[in-house]
Amino acid sequence: MAWWSLTAAVAVIVAGCGSDQSVPDTPNTSAAPALHVGSVPSDDGTPPTRAANAVAAQCRTSDLAAALGPANAAAGTVAFPIVFTNNGSGPCVLEGFPGVSYATGPDSAPVGTPAAREGTASGPVSLAPGGQASALVFAVDVHNIPAEQCGPVDVPGLRIYPPDNTASLYLDHAATACGNGQMTTHQLRVRALVPGAEGR
């Protein structure tokens, strides 16, 4: 075989080997679907329930501050609101009547009978952090009640129980109470909680 024929054959073999190189895979540049937690509809197409729609918990005494609003006197009775403020980090609900009684200290037993409820509750009051609700209290001037019936006692304050709580708050409020727990005249009356700081 002529030398030039051998050279041509080798060139053909080398060229054939070079054309068999593998082509690199093309990367998949399509983005994966975004995951939106909480936004996937249910099987029937209705939107999911949001946490914001959940009912707020009952307000706890430990999350509340209490204060007395301005007083108004008329016909032997003094009326003043007890104002609750939500000092907690989240919303809560107050509903109904607070417990109110005269007391000689934060942990003392009630002096005389606790406040009688007046009227009906108007429904739950939702309090955002910093929100307020109030209940109007009516205190009778017990000096108008015969001493033998009343058993007058000077007291320094009030014990307040938020609705559905067994822990109380104490407010300074110097007054004269009737120590006779059997007295039929109500020395204190309280209305249900309403939004705001004025009671009604």
N, C-alpha and C. Protein backbone atom coordinates (compact mmCIF):
# COMPACT_ATOMS: atom_id res chain seq x y z
N MET A 1 0.87 -1.19 0.00
CA MET A 1 0.00 0.00 0.00
C MET A 1 0.89 1.23 0.00
N ALA A 2 0.53 2.18 -0.81
CA ALA A 2 1.32 3.41 -0.88
C ALA A 2 1.21 4.18 0.41
N TRP A 3 2.28 4.90 0.75
CA TRP A 3 2.29 5.61 2.04
C TRP A 3 1.18 6.63 2.14
N TRP A 4 0.84 7.21 0.99
CA TRP A 4 -0.21 8.25 1.05
C TRP A 4 -1.57 7.65 1.34
N SER A 5 -1.81 6.35 0.94
CA SER A 5 -3.09 5.70 1.23
C SER A 5 -3.23 5.42 2.71
N LEU A 6 -2.13 4.99 3.36
CA LEU A 6 -2.16 4.73 4.81
C LEU A 6 -2.44 6.00 5.60
N THR A 7 -1.84 7.08 5.17
CA THR A 7 -2.05 8.37 5.87
C THR A 7 -3.50 8.80 5.77
N ALA A 8 -4.12 8.63 4.61
CA ALA A 8 -5.52 9.02 4.44
C ALA A 8 -6.45 8.20 5.30
N ALA A 9 -6.14 6.90 5.44
CA ALA A 9 -6.99 6.03 6.27
C ALA A 9 -6.95 6.44 7.72
N VAL A 10 -5.74 6.77 8.20
CA VAL A 10 -5.60 7.21 9.60
C VAL A 10 -6.37 8.49 9.83
N ALA A 11 -6.34 9.41 8.89
CA ALA A 11 -7.05 10.69 9.03
C ALA A 11 -8.54 10.49 9.13
N VAL A 12 -9.08 9.52 8.33
CA VAL A 12 -10.51 9.24 8.39
C VAL A 12 -10.91 8.70 9.74
N ILE A 13 -10.07 7.79 10.32
CA ILE A 13 -10.38 7.21 11.64
C ILE A 13 -10.40 8.28 12.71
N VAL A 14 -9.40 9.18 12.69
CA VAL A 14 -9.32 10.26 13.70
C VAL A 14 -10.52 11.18 13.58
N ALA A 15 -10.92 11.51 12.38
CA ALA A 15 -12.08 12.39 12.19
C ALA A 15 -13.34 11.76 12.71
N GLY A 16 -13.48 10.43 12.48
CA GLY A 16 -14.67 9.74 12.98
C GLY A 16 -14.74 9.74 14.48
N CYS A 17 -13.60 9.57 15.13
CA CYS A 17 -13.60 9.60 16.61
C CYS A 17 -13.97 10.97 17.12
N GLY A 18 -13.53 12.02 16.48
CA GLY A 18 -13.83 13.38 16.94
C GLY A 18 -15.28 13.72 16.81
N SER A 19 -15.99 13.18 15.86
CA SER A 19 -17.40 13.50 15.68
C SER A 19 -18.31 12.79 16.64
N ASP A 20 -17.78 11.86 17.49
CA ASP A 20 -18.59 11.09 18.43
C ASP A 20 -18.63 11.71 19.82
N GLN A 21 -18.13 12.96 19.98
CA GLN A 21 -18.11 13.61 21.29
C GLN A 21 -19.54 13.84 21.78
N SER A 22 -19.80 13.61 23.12
CA SER A 22 -21.14 13.79 23.69
C SER A 22 -21.46 15.26 23.87
N VAL A 23 -22.71 15.61 23.65
CA VAL A 23 -23.17 17.00 23.81
C VAL A 23 -23.64 17.20 25.24
N PRO A 24 -23.14 18.22 25.99
CA PRO A 24 -23.55 18.41 27.40
C PRO A 24 -25.03 18.71 27.50
N ASP A 25 -25.63 18.21 28.61
CA ASP A 25 -27.05 18.45 28.84
C ASP A 25 -27.33 19.93 29.01
N THR A 26 -28.41 20.38 28.45
CA THR A 26 -28.83 21.78 28.61
C THR A 26 -29.54 21.93 29.95
N PRO A 27 -29.06 22.85 30.83
CA PRO A 27 -29.70 22.98 32.15
C PRO A 27 -31.14 23.43 32.03
N ASN A 28 -31.98 22.94 32.97
CA ASN A 28 -33.39 23.31 32.99
C ASN A 28 -33.54 24.65 33.72
N THR A 29 -33.85 25.69 32.96
CA THR A 29 -33.92 27.04 33.55
C THR A 29 -35.33 27.43 33.95
N SER A 30 -36.33 26.56 33.81
CA SER A 30 -37.70 26.92 34.20
C SER A 30 -37.82 26.93 35.71
N ALA A 31 -38.43 27.98 36.30
CA ALA A 31 -38.52 28.13 37.76
C ALA A 31 -39.57 27.19 38.33
N ALA A 32 -39.29 26.70 39.56
CA ALA A 32 -40.27 25.85 40.25
C ALA A 32 -41.44 26.69 40.72
N PRO A 33 -42.63 26.14 40.81
CA PRO A 33 -43.80 26.91 41.27
C PRO A 33 -43.57 27.47 42.67
N ALA A 34 -43.95 28.74 42.91
CA ALA A 34 -43.79 29.35 44.23
C ALA A 34 -44.79 28.75 45.20
N LEU A 35 -44.35 28.55 46.45
CA LEU A 35 -45.22 27.99 47.48
C LEU A 35 -45.72 29.11 48.37
N HIS A 36 -47.03 29.34 48.41
CA HIS A 36 -47.63 30.38 49.25
C HIS A 36 -48.35 29.69 50.39
N VAL A 37 -47.71 29.66 51.54
CA VAL A 37 -48.29 28.96 52.68
C VAL A 37 -49.58 29.64 53.10
N GLY A 38 -50.62 28.85 53.27
CA GLY A 38 -51.90 29.39 53.73
C GLY A 38 -52.77 29.94 52.63
N SER A 39 -52.30 29.90 51.37
CA SER A 39 -53.11 30.48 50.30
C SER A 39 -53.66 29.45 49.34
N VAL A 40 -53.43 28.16 49.62
CA VAL A 40 -53.92 27.11 48.73
C VAL A 40 -55.40 26.88 49.00
N PRO A 41 -56.26 26.97 47.98
CA PRO A 41 -57.69 26.76 48.22
C PRO A 41 -57.99 25.32 48.55
N SER A 42 -59.11 25.10 49.20
CA SER A 42 -59.53 23.75 49.53
C SER A 42 -60.09 23.06 48.30
N ASP A 43 -60.42 21.78 48.42
CA ASP A 43 -60.89 21.00 47.28
C ASP A 43 -62.15 21.58 46.65
N ASP A 44 -62.98 22.23 47.46
CA ASP A 44 -64.22 22.77 46.91
C ASP A 44 -64.08 24.20 46.41
N GLY A 45 -62.83 24.70 46.40
CA GLY A 45 -62.58 26.02 45.85
C GLY A 45 -62.73 27.16 46.82
N THR A 46 -63.13 26.90 48.06
CA THR A 46 -63.30 27.98 49.04
C THR A 46 -61.95 28.35 49.61
N PRO A 47 -61.73 29.64 49.94
CA PRO A 47 -60.43 30.05 50.48
C PRO A 47 -60.22 29.48 51.87
N PRO A 48 -58.96 29.31 52.28
CA PRO A 48 -58.69 28.75 53.60
C PRO A 48 -59.06 29.73 54.70
N THR A 49 -59.28 29.21 55.88
CA THR A 49 -59.57 30.05 57.04
C THR A 49 -58.30 30.75 57.49
N ARG A 50 -58.39 32.03 57.72
CA ARG A 50 -57.24 32.81 58.16
C ARG A 50 -57.18 32.85 59.68
N ALA A 51 -55.95 32.92 60.20
CA ALA A 51 -55.78 32.99 61.65
C ALA A 51 -56.41 34.26 62.21
N ALA A 52 -56.44 35.32 61.39
CA ALA A 52 -56.99 36.60 61.87
C ALA A 52 -58.47 36.51 62.17
N ASN A 53 -59.14 35.49 61.60
CA ASN A 53 -60.57 35.35 61.84
C ASN A 53 -60.87 34.57 63.11
N ALA A 54 -59.84 34.08 63.79
CA ALA A 54 -60.05 33.29 65.00
C ALA A 54 -60.62 34.18 66.10
N VAL A 55 -61.44 33.60 66.95
CA VAL A 55 -62.04 34.34 68.05
C VAL A 55 -60.98 34.62 69.11
N ALA A 56 -60.92 35.87 69.57
CA ALA A 56 -59.93 36.24 70.58
C ALA A 56 -60.26 35.57 71.90
N ALA A 57 -59.25 35.33 72.70
CA ALA A 57 -59.42 34.68 73.99
C ALA A 57 -60.03 35.64 75.00
N GLN A 58 -60.61 35.07 76.06
CA GLN A 58 -61.14 35.88 77.16
C GLN A 58 -60.00 36.65 77.81
N CYS A 59 -60.23 37.91 78.15
CA CYS A 59 -59.21 38.71 78.82
C CYS A 59 -58.91 38.14 80.20
N ARG A 60 -57.64 38.02 80.53
CA ARG A 60 -57.22 37.56 81.85
C ARG A 60 -56.91 38.77 82.73
N THR A 61 -57.10 38.60 84.02
CA THR A 61 -56.82 39.70 84.95
C THR A 61 -55.39 40.18 84.81
N SER A 62 -54.45 39.26 84.59
CA SER A 62 -53.03 39.62 84.50
C SER A 62 -52.73 40.49 83.28
N ASP A 63 -53.62 40.50 82.28
CA ASP A 63 -53.41 41.32 81.09
C ASP A 63 -54.16 42.65 81.15
N LEU A 64 -54.85 42.90 82.26
CA LEU A 64 -55.69 44.08 82.36
C LEU A 64 -55.20 45.06 83.42
N ALA A 65 -55.40 46.34 83.14
CA ALA A 65 -55.25 47.39 84.15
C ALA A 65 -56.62 47.99 84.37
N ALA A 66 -56.88 48.47 85.58
CA ALA A 66 -58.18 49.07 85.89
C ALA A 66 -57.97 50.46 86.49
N ALA A 67 -58.92 51.33 86.22
CA ALA A 67 -58.89 52.69 86.77
C ALA A 67 -60.32 53.18 86.91
N LEU A 68 -60.49 54.20 87.74
CA LEU A 68 -61.81 54.82 87.92
C LEU A 68 -61.90 56.07 87.06
N GLY A 69 -63.02 56.20 86.34
CA GLY A 69 -63.25 57.40 85.56
C GLY A 69 -63.89 58.49 86.39
N PRO A 70 -64.17 59.64 85.78
CA PRO A 70 -64.77 60.76 86.51
C PRO A 70 -66.12 60.39 87.11
N ALA A 71 -66.38 60.91 88.32
CA ALA A 71 -67.61 60.60 89.04
C ALA A 71 -68.63 61.72 88.86
N ASN A 72 -69.90 61.32 88.91
CA ASN A 72 -71.02 62.26 88.89
C ASN A 72 -71.98 61.91 90.02
N ALA A 73 -72.38 62.91 90.80
CA ALA A 73 -73.26 62.68 91.94
C ALA A 73 -74.64 63.26 91.68
N ALA A 74 -75.66 62.51 92.11
CA ALA A 74 -77.04 62.98 91.99
C ALA A 74 -77.93 62.16 92.90
N ALA A 75 -78.81 62.84 93.64
CA ALA A 75 -79.86 62.19 94.45
C ALA A 75 -79.31 61.11 95.37
N GLY A 76 -78.24 61.44 96.09
CA GLY A 76 -77.71 60.52 97.08
C GLY A 76 -76.94 59.34 96.50
N THR A 77 -76.59 59.40 95.23
CA THR A 77 -75.85 58.32 94.58
C THR A 77 -74.71 58.91 93.76
N VAL A 78 -73.57 58.26 93.79
CA VAL A 78 -72.41 58.66 92.98
C VAL A 78 -72.22 57.60 91.90
N ALA A 79 -72.11 58.05 90.65
CA ALA A 79 -71.88 57.14 89.52
C ALA A 79 -70.48 57.38 88.96
N PHE A 80 -69.77 56.30 88.68
CA PHE A 80 -68.42 56.41 88.09
C PHE A 80 -68.13 55.13 87.28
N PRO A 81 -67.40 55.26 86.19
CA PRO A 81 -67.05 54.07 85.41
C PRO A 81 -65.77 53.42 85.94
N ILE A 82 -65.76 52.10 85.90
CA ILE A 82 -64.52 51.35 86.08
C ILE A 82 -64.02 51.02 84.68
N VAL A 83 -62.80 51.45 84.37
CA VAL A 83 -62.25 51.33 83.02
C VAL A 83 -61.17 50.26 82.99
N PHE A 84 -61.35 49.28 82.11
CA PHE A 84 -60.35 48.23 81.91
C PHE A 84 -59.56 48.52 80.64
N THR A 85 -58.24 48.38 80.72
CA THR A 85 -57.37 48.56 79.56
C THR A 85 -56.61 47.27 79.30
N ASN A 86 -56.58 46.84 78.05
CA ASN A 86 -55.85 45.63 77.68
C ASN A 86 -54.36 45.95 77.57
N ASN A 87 -53.59 45.48 78.53
CA ASN A 87 -52.14 45.67 78.52
C ASN A 87 -51.40 44.48 77.93
N GLY A 88 -52.14 43.50 77.41
CA GLY A 88 -51.53 42.32 76.84
C GLY A 88 -50.96 42.58 75.45
N SER A 89 -50.30 41.57 74.89
CA SER A 89 -49.67 41.70 73.58
C SER A 89 -50.61 41.35 72.43
N GLY A 90 -51.79 40.82 72.75
CA GLY A 90 -52.74 40.44 71.70
C GLY A 90 -54.15 40.82 72.09
N PRO A 91 -55.09 40.67 71.16
CA PRO A 91 -56.48 41.03 71.46
C PRO A 91 -57.11 40.05 72.44
N CYS A 92 -58.12 40.52 73.16
CA CYS A 92 -58.88 39.66 74.06
C CYS A 92 -60.30 40.19 74.17
N VAL A 93 -61.16 39.43 74.82
CA VAL A 93 -62.59 39.76 74.88
C VAL A 93 -63.06 39.83 76.32
N LEU A 94 -63.85 40.86 76.63
CA LEU A 94 -64.56 40.98 77.90
C LEU A 94 -66.06 40.94 77.60
N GLU A 95 -66.80 40.24 78.45
CA GLU A 95 -68.24 40.16 78.24
C GLU A 95 -68.96 40.02 79.57
N GLY A 96 -69.99 40.82 79.76
CA GLY A 96 -70.81 40.70 80.95
C GLY A 96 -70.50 41.74 82.01
N PHE A 97 -70.61 41.32 83.27
CA PHE A 97 -70.50 42.23 84.41
C PHE A 97 -69.23 41.94 85.21
N PRO A 98 -68.50 42.98 85.60
CA PRO A 98 -67.41 42.75 86.55
C PRO A 98 -67.97 42.59 87.95
N GLY A 99 -67.22 41.91 88.80
CA GLY A 99 -67.56 41.86 90.21
C GLY A 99 -66.95 43.06 90.92
N VAL A 100 -67.73 43.74 91.75
CA VAL A 100 -67.27 44.94 92.44
C VAL A 100 -67.71 44.88 93.89
N SER A 101 -66.79 45.16 94.80
CA SER A 101 -67.14 45.20 96.23
C SER A 101 -66.21 46.16 96.95
N TYR A 102 -66.70 46.71 98.04
CA TYR A 102 -65.84 47.48 98.93
C TYR A 102 -64.88 46.53 99.62
N ALA A 103 -63.67 47.03 99.93
CA ALA A 103 -62.67 46.17 100.58
C ALA A 103 -61.72 47.03 101.40
N THR A 104 -61.12 46.39 102.40
CA THR A 104 -60.13 47.09 103.24
C THR A 104 -58.72 46.87 102.73
N GLY A 105 -58.56 46.11 101.66
CA GLY A 105 -57.24 45.86 101.10
C GLY A 105 -57.34 44.95 99.89
N PRO A 106 -56.21 44.77 99.16
CA PRO A 106 -56.22 43.96 97.93
C PRO A 106 -56.66 42.52 98.13
N ASP A 107 -56.44 41.98 99.34
CA ASP A 107 -56.76 40.57 99.58
C ASP A 107 -57.85 40.38 100.62
N SER A 108 -58.54 41.45 100.98
CA SER A 108 -59.54 41.34 102.04
C SER A 108 -60.86 40.80 101.50
N ALA A 109 -61.67 40.32 102.42
CA ALA A 109 -63.03 39.89 102.06
C ALA A 109 -63.87 41.13 101.76
N PRO A 110 -64.95 40.96 101.00
CA PRO A 110 -65.83 42.11 100.73
C PRO A 110 -66.40 42.68 102.03
N VAL A 111 -66.55 43.99 102.05
CA VAL A 111 -67.21 44.66 103.16
C VAL A 111 -68.66 44.89 102.74
N GLY A 112 -69.58 44.21 103.41
CA GLY A 112 -70.98 44.28 102.99
C GLY A 112 -71.21 43.46 101.73
N THR A 113 -72.33 43.69 101.12
CA THR A 113 -72.69 42.91 99.93
C THR A 113 -72.01 43.48 98.68
N PRO A 114 -71.57 42.60 97.76
CA PRO A 114 -71.01 43.07 96.49
C PRO A 114 -72.05 43.79 95.65
N ALA A 115 -71.60 44.42 94.59
CA ALA A 115 -72.50 45.18 93.71
C ALA A 115 -73.54 44.28 93.06
N ALA A 116 -74.77 44.76 93.04
CA ALA A 116 -75.85 44.06 92.35
C ALA A 116 -75.81 44.43 90.87
N ARG A 117 -76.12 43.47 90.02
CA ARG A 117 -76.12 43.72 88.58
C ARG A 117 -77.37 44.48 88.17
N GLU A 118 -77.18 45.43 87.27
CA GLU A 118 -78.29 46.24 86.78
C GLU A 118 -78.34 46.16 85.26
N GLY A 119 -79.49 45.80 84.70
CA GLY A 119 -79.62 45.70 83.25
C GLY A 119 -79.13 44.37 82.72
N THR A 120 -78.90 44.31 81.42
CA THR A 120 -78.47 43.08 80.76
C THR A 120 -77.18 43.34 79.99
N ALA A 121 -76.43 42.26 79.76
CA ALA A 121 -75.19 42.37 79.00
C ALA A 121 -75.51 42.60 77.53
N SER A 122 -74.70 43.43 76.88
CA SER A 122 -74.95 43.78 75.47
C SER A 122 -74.10 42.98 74.50
N GLY A 123 -73.33 42.01 74.98
CA GLY A 123 -72.51 41.19 74.09
C GLY A 123 -71.03 41.39 74.36
N PRO A 124 -70.18 40.60 73.69
CA PRO A 124 -68.74 40.68 73.94
C PRO A 124 -68.14 41.99 73.45
N VAL A 125 -67.12 42.44 74.17
CA VAL A 125 -66.37 43.64 73.80
C VAL A 125 -64.95 43.19 73.49
N SER A 126 -64.53 43.35 72.24
CA SER A 126 -63.20 42.94 71.81
C SER A 126 -62.22 44.08 72.04
N LEU A 127 -61.11 43.76 72.71
CA LEU A 127 -60.11 44.78 73.04
C LEU A 127 -58.80 44.46 72.33
N ALA A 128 -58.38 45.33 71.43
CA ALA A 128 -57.04 45.25 70.87
C ALA A 128 -56.06 45.68 71.96
N PRO A 129 -54.76 45.41 71.81
CA PRO A 129 -53.80 45.92 72.79
C PRO A 129 -53.96 47.43 72.96
N GLY A 130 -54.13 47.87 74.20
CA GLY A 130 -54.38 49.28 74.48
C GLY A 130 -55.84 49.67 74.44
N GLY A 131 -56.72 48.76 74.01
CA GLY A 131 -58.14 49.05 73.94
C GLY A 131 -58.79 49.08 75.32
N GLN A 132 -59.95 49.73 75.41
CA GLN A 132 -60.61 49.92 76.71
C GLN A 132 -62.08 49.50 76.66
N ALA A 133 -62.54 49.03 77.80
CA ALA A 133 -63.96 48.76 78.04
C ALA A 133 -64.27 49.26 79.44
N SER A 134 -65.53 49.59 79.69
CA SER A 134 -65.88 50.17 80.99
C SER A 134 -67.25 49.71 81.44
N ALA A 135 -67.42 49.74 82.75
CA ALA A 135 -68.70 49.40 83.38
C ALA A 135 -69.07 50.50 84.36
N LEU A 136 -70.29 50.97 84.30
CA LEU A 136 -70.74 52.05 85.17
C LEU A 136 -71.17 51.49 86.52
N VAL A 137 -70.65 52.10 87.59
CA VAL A 137 -70.96 51.69 88.96
C VAL A 137 -71.74 52.81 89.65
N PHE A 138 -72.75 52.44 90.42
CA PHE A 138 -73.53 53.39 91.21
C PHE A 138 -73.32 53.07 92.68
N ALA A 139 -72.85 54.05 93.44
CA ALA A 139 -72.59 53.87 94.87
C ALA A 139 -73.54 54.76 95.67
N VAL A 140 -74.31 54.13 96.54
CA VAL A 140 -75.26 54.85 97.38
C VAL A 140 -74.51 55.56 98.51
N ASP A 141 -74.93 56.77 98.84
CA ASP A 141 -74.40 57.45 100.02
C ASP A 141 -75.02 56.78 101.25
N VAL A 142 -74.24 55.91 101.89
CA VAL A 142 -74.80 55.09 102.98
C VAL A 142 -75.07 55.91 104.24
N HIS A 143 -74.63 57.16 104.26
CA HIS A 143 -74.96 58.00 105.41
C HIS A 143 -76.46 58.28 105.48
N ASN A 144 -77.15 58.04 104.38
CA ASN A 144 -78.60 58.21 104.36
C ASN A 144 -79.34 56.98 104.87
N ILE A 145 -78.62 55.93 105.21
CA ILE A 145 -79.22 54.70 105.73
C ILE A 145 -79.02 54.68 107.25
N PRO A 146 -80.03 54.37 108.03
CA PRO A 146 -79.87 54.32 109.49
C PRO A 146 -78.67 53.46 109.88
N ALA A 147 -77.86 53.97 110.80
CA ALA A 147 -76.62 53.29 111.18
C ALA A 147 -76.87 51.89 111.70
N GLU A 148 -77.99 51.68 112.42
CA GLU A 148 -78.25 50.35 112.97
C GLU A 148 -78.56 49.33 111.87
N GLN A 149 -79.01 49.81 110.73
CA GLN A 149 -79.24 48.92 109.59
C GLN A 149 -77.97 48.72 108.76
N CYS A 150 -77.19 49.79 108.66
CA CYS A 150 -76.03 49.78 107.77
C CYS A 150 -74.79 49.17 108.41
N GLY A 151 -74.51 49.57 109.65
CA GLY A 151 -73.23 49.19 110.25
C GLY A 151 -72.08 49.82 109.48
N PRO A 152 -71.99 51.16 109.44
CA PRO A 152 -71.03 51.84 108.58
C PRO A 152 -69.58 51.50 108.91
N VAL A 153 -68.79 51.33 107.85
CA VAL A 153 -67.36 51.01 107.95
C VAL A 153 -66.62 51.86 106.93
N ASP A 154 -65.57 52.56 107.38
CA ASP A 154 -64.74 53.30 106.43
C ASP A 154 -63.82 52.33 105.69
N VAL A 155 -63.80 52.42 104.38
CA VAL A 155 -62.99 51.51 103.56
C VAL A 155 -62.07 52.33 102.64
N PRO A 156 -60.90 51.77 102.30
CA PRO A 156 -59.96 52.50 101.45
C PRO A 156 -60.08 52.21 99.96
N GLY A 157 -60.83 51.16 99.60
CA GLY A 157 -60.81 50.84 98.17
C GLY A 157 -61.86 49.85 97.72
N LEU A 158 -61.70 49.41 96.47
CA LEU A 158 -62.61 48.48 95.81
C LEU A 158 -61.83 47.28 95.27
N ARG A 159 -62.42 46.10 95.40
CA ARG A 159 -61.88 44.93 94.71
C ARG A 159 -62.72 44.69 93.47
N ILE A 160 -62.02 44.50 92.34
CA ILE A 160 -62.67 44.38 91.04
C ILE A 160 -62.31 43.03 90.43
N TYR A 161 -63.32 42.29 90.02
CA TYR A 161 -63.10 41.01 89.32
C TYR A 161 -63.55 41.15 87.87
N PRO A 162 -62.64 41.11 86.90
CA PRO A 162 -63.08 41.08 85.50
C PRO A 162 -63.96 39.85 85.26
N PRO A 163 -64.88 39.92 84.31
CA PRO A 163 -65.76 38.77 84.06
C PRO A 163 -64.99 37.48 83.82
N ASP A 164 -65.50 36.40 84.41
CA ASP A 164 -64.94 35.05 84.22
C ASP A 164 -63.50 34.93 84.71
N ASN A 165 -63.14 35.72 85.72
CA ASN A 165 -61.81 35.62 86.33
C ASN A 165 -61.97 35.46 87.84
N THR A 166 -61.06 34.70 88.44
CA THR A 166 -61.07 34.55 89.89
C THR A 166 -60.01 35.42 90.55
N ALA A 167 -59.11 36.00 89.77
CA ALA A 167 -58.11 36.94 90.29
C ALA A 167 -58.68 38.35 90.19
N SER A 168 -58.39 39.17 91.20
CA SER A 168 -59.00 40.50 91.26
C SER A 168 -57.96 41.60 91.09
N LEU A 169 -58.46 42.80 90.86
CA LEU A 169 -57.67 44.03 90.85
C LEU A 169 -58.16 44.90 92.00
N TYR A 170 -57.28 45.74 92.51
CA TYR A 170 -57.64 46.61 93.64
C TYR A 170 -57.46 48.07 93.22
N LEU A 171 -58.45 48.89 93.56
CA LEU A 171 -58.40 50.32 93.26
C LEU A 171 -58.61 51.12 94.53
N ASP A 172 -57.78 52.12 94.73
CA ASP A 172 -57.97 53.04 95.86
C ASP A 172 -59.25 53.85 95.64
N HIS A 173 -60.12 53.84 96.63
CA HIS A 173 -61.37 54.61 96.54
C HIS A 173 -61.94 54.72 97.95
N ALA A 174 -61.51 55.75 98.67
CA ALA A 174 -61.96 55.92 100.05
C ALA A 174 -63.45 56.21 100.08
N ALA A 175 -64.15 55.47 100.94
CA ALA A 175 -65.61 55.61 101.03
C ALA A 175 -66.08 55.04 102.35
N THR A 176 -67.35 55.21 102.62
CA THR A 176 -67.99 54.56 103.77
C THR A 176 -68.94 53.50 103.22
N ALA A 177 -68.76 52.27 103.70
CA ALA A 177 -69.58 51.15 103.25
C ALA A 177 -70.48 50.68 104.38
N CYS A 178 -71.48 49.92 104.03
CA CYS A 178 -72.31 49.26 105.02
C CYS A 178 -71.75 47.87 105.27
N GLY A 179 -71.31 47.63 106.49
CA GLY A 179 -70.74 46.33 106.82
C GLY A 179 -71.77 45.24 107.03
N ASN A 180 -73.03 45.60 107.13
CA ASN A 180 -74.09 44.63 107.35
C ASN A 180 -74.41 43.90 106.04
N GLY A 181 -73.96 42.66 105.94
CA GLY A 181 -74.17 41.89 104.73
C GLY A 181 -75.60 41.45 104.52
N GLN A 182 -76.46 41.61 105.52
CA GLN A 182 -77.86 41.20 105.40
C GLN A 182 -78.76 42.36 104.99
N MET A 183 -78.18 43.53 104.77
CA MET A 183 -78.98 44.69 104.42
C MET A 183 -79.63 44.50 103.05
N THR A 184 -80.88 44.88 102.93
CA THR A 184 -81.60 44.68 101.67
C THR A 184 -81.35 45.80 100.66
N THR A 185 -80.94 46.96 101.14
CA THR A 185 -80.61 48.06 100.23
C THR A 185 -79.27 47.79 99.56
N HIS A 186 -79.20 47.95 98.25
CA HIS A 186 -77.94 47.71 97.53
C HIS A 186 -77.05 48.94 97.65
N GLN A 187 -75.91 48.77 98.30
CA GLN A 187 -74.99 49.90 98.43
C GLN A 187 -74.21 50.15 97.14
N LEU A 188 -74.08 49.12 96.30
CA LEU A 188 -73.40 49.24 95.01
C LEU A 188 -74.24 48.55 93.93
N ARG A 189 -74.27 49.15 92.74
CA ARG A 189 -74.87 48.52 91.57
C ARG A 189 -73.89 48.67 90.42
N VAL A 190 -73.88 47.70 89.52
CA VAL A 190 -72.95 47.75 88.39
C VAL A 190 -73.67 47.36 87.10
N ARG A 191 -73.36 48.05 86.04
CA ARG A 191 -73.90 47.72 84.72
C ARG A 191 -72.87 46.92 83.92
N ALA A 192 -73.33 46.35 82.81
CA ALA A 192 -72.47 45.50 81.98
C ALA A 192 -71.40 46.33 81.27
N LEU A 193 -70.35 45.65 80.87
CA LEU A 193 -69.25 46.29 80.16
C LEU A 193 -69.66 46.72 78.75
N VAL A 194 -69.15 47.89 78.35
CA VAL A 194 -69.37 48.42 77.01
C VAL A 194 -68.03 48.94 76.49
N PRO A 195 -67.90 49.13 75.17
CA PRO A 195 -66.64 49.67 74.65
C PRO A 195 -66.40 51.09 75.13
N GLY A 196 -65.12 51.47 75.24
CA GLY A 196 -64.76 52.83 75.61
C GLY A 196 -64.54 53.00 77.10
N ALA A 197 -64.37 54.25 77.52
CA ALA A 197 -63.98 54.55 78.89
C ALA A 197 -65.04 55.27 79.70
N GLU A 198 -66.25 55.41 79.18
CA GLU A 198 -67.25 56.22 79.88
C GLU A 198 -68.37 55.41 80.51
N GLY A 199 -68.53 54.14 80.14
CA GLY A 199 -69.64 53.36 80.66
C GLY A 199 -70.97 53.93 80.21
N ARG A 200 -72.03 53.17 80.47
CA ARG A 200 -73.38 53.70 80.19
C ARG A 200 -74.45 52.76 80.76
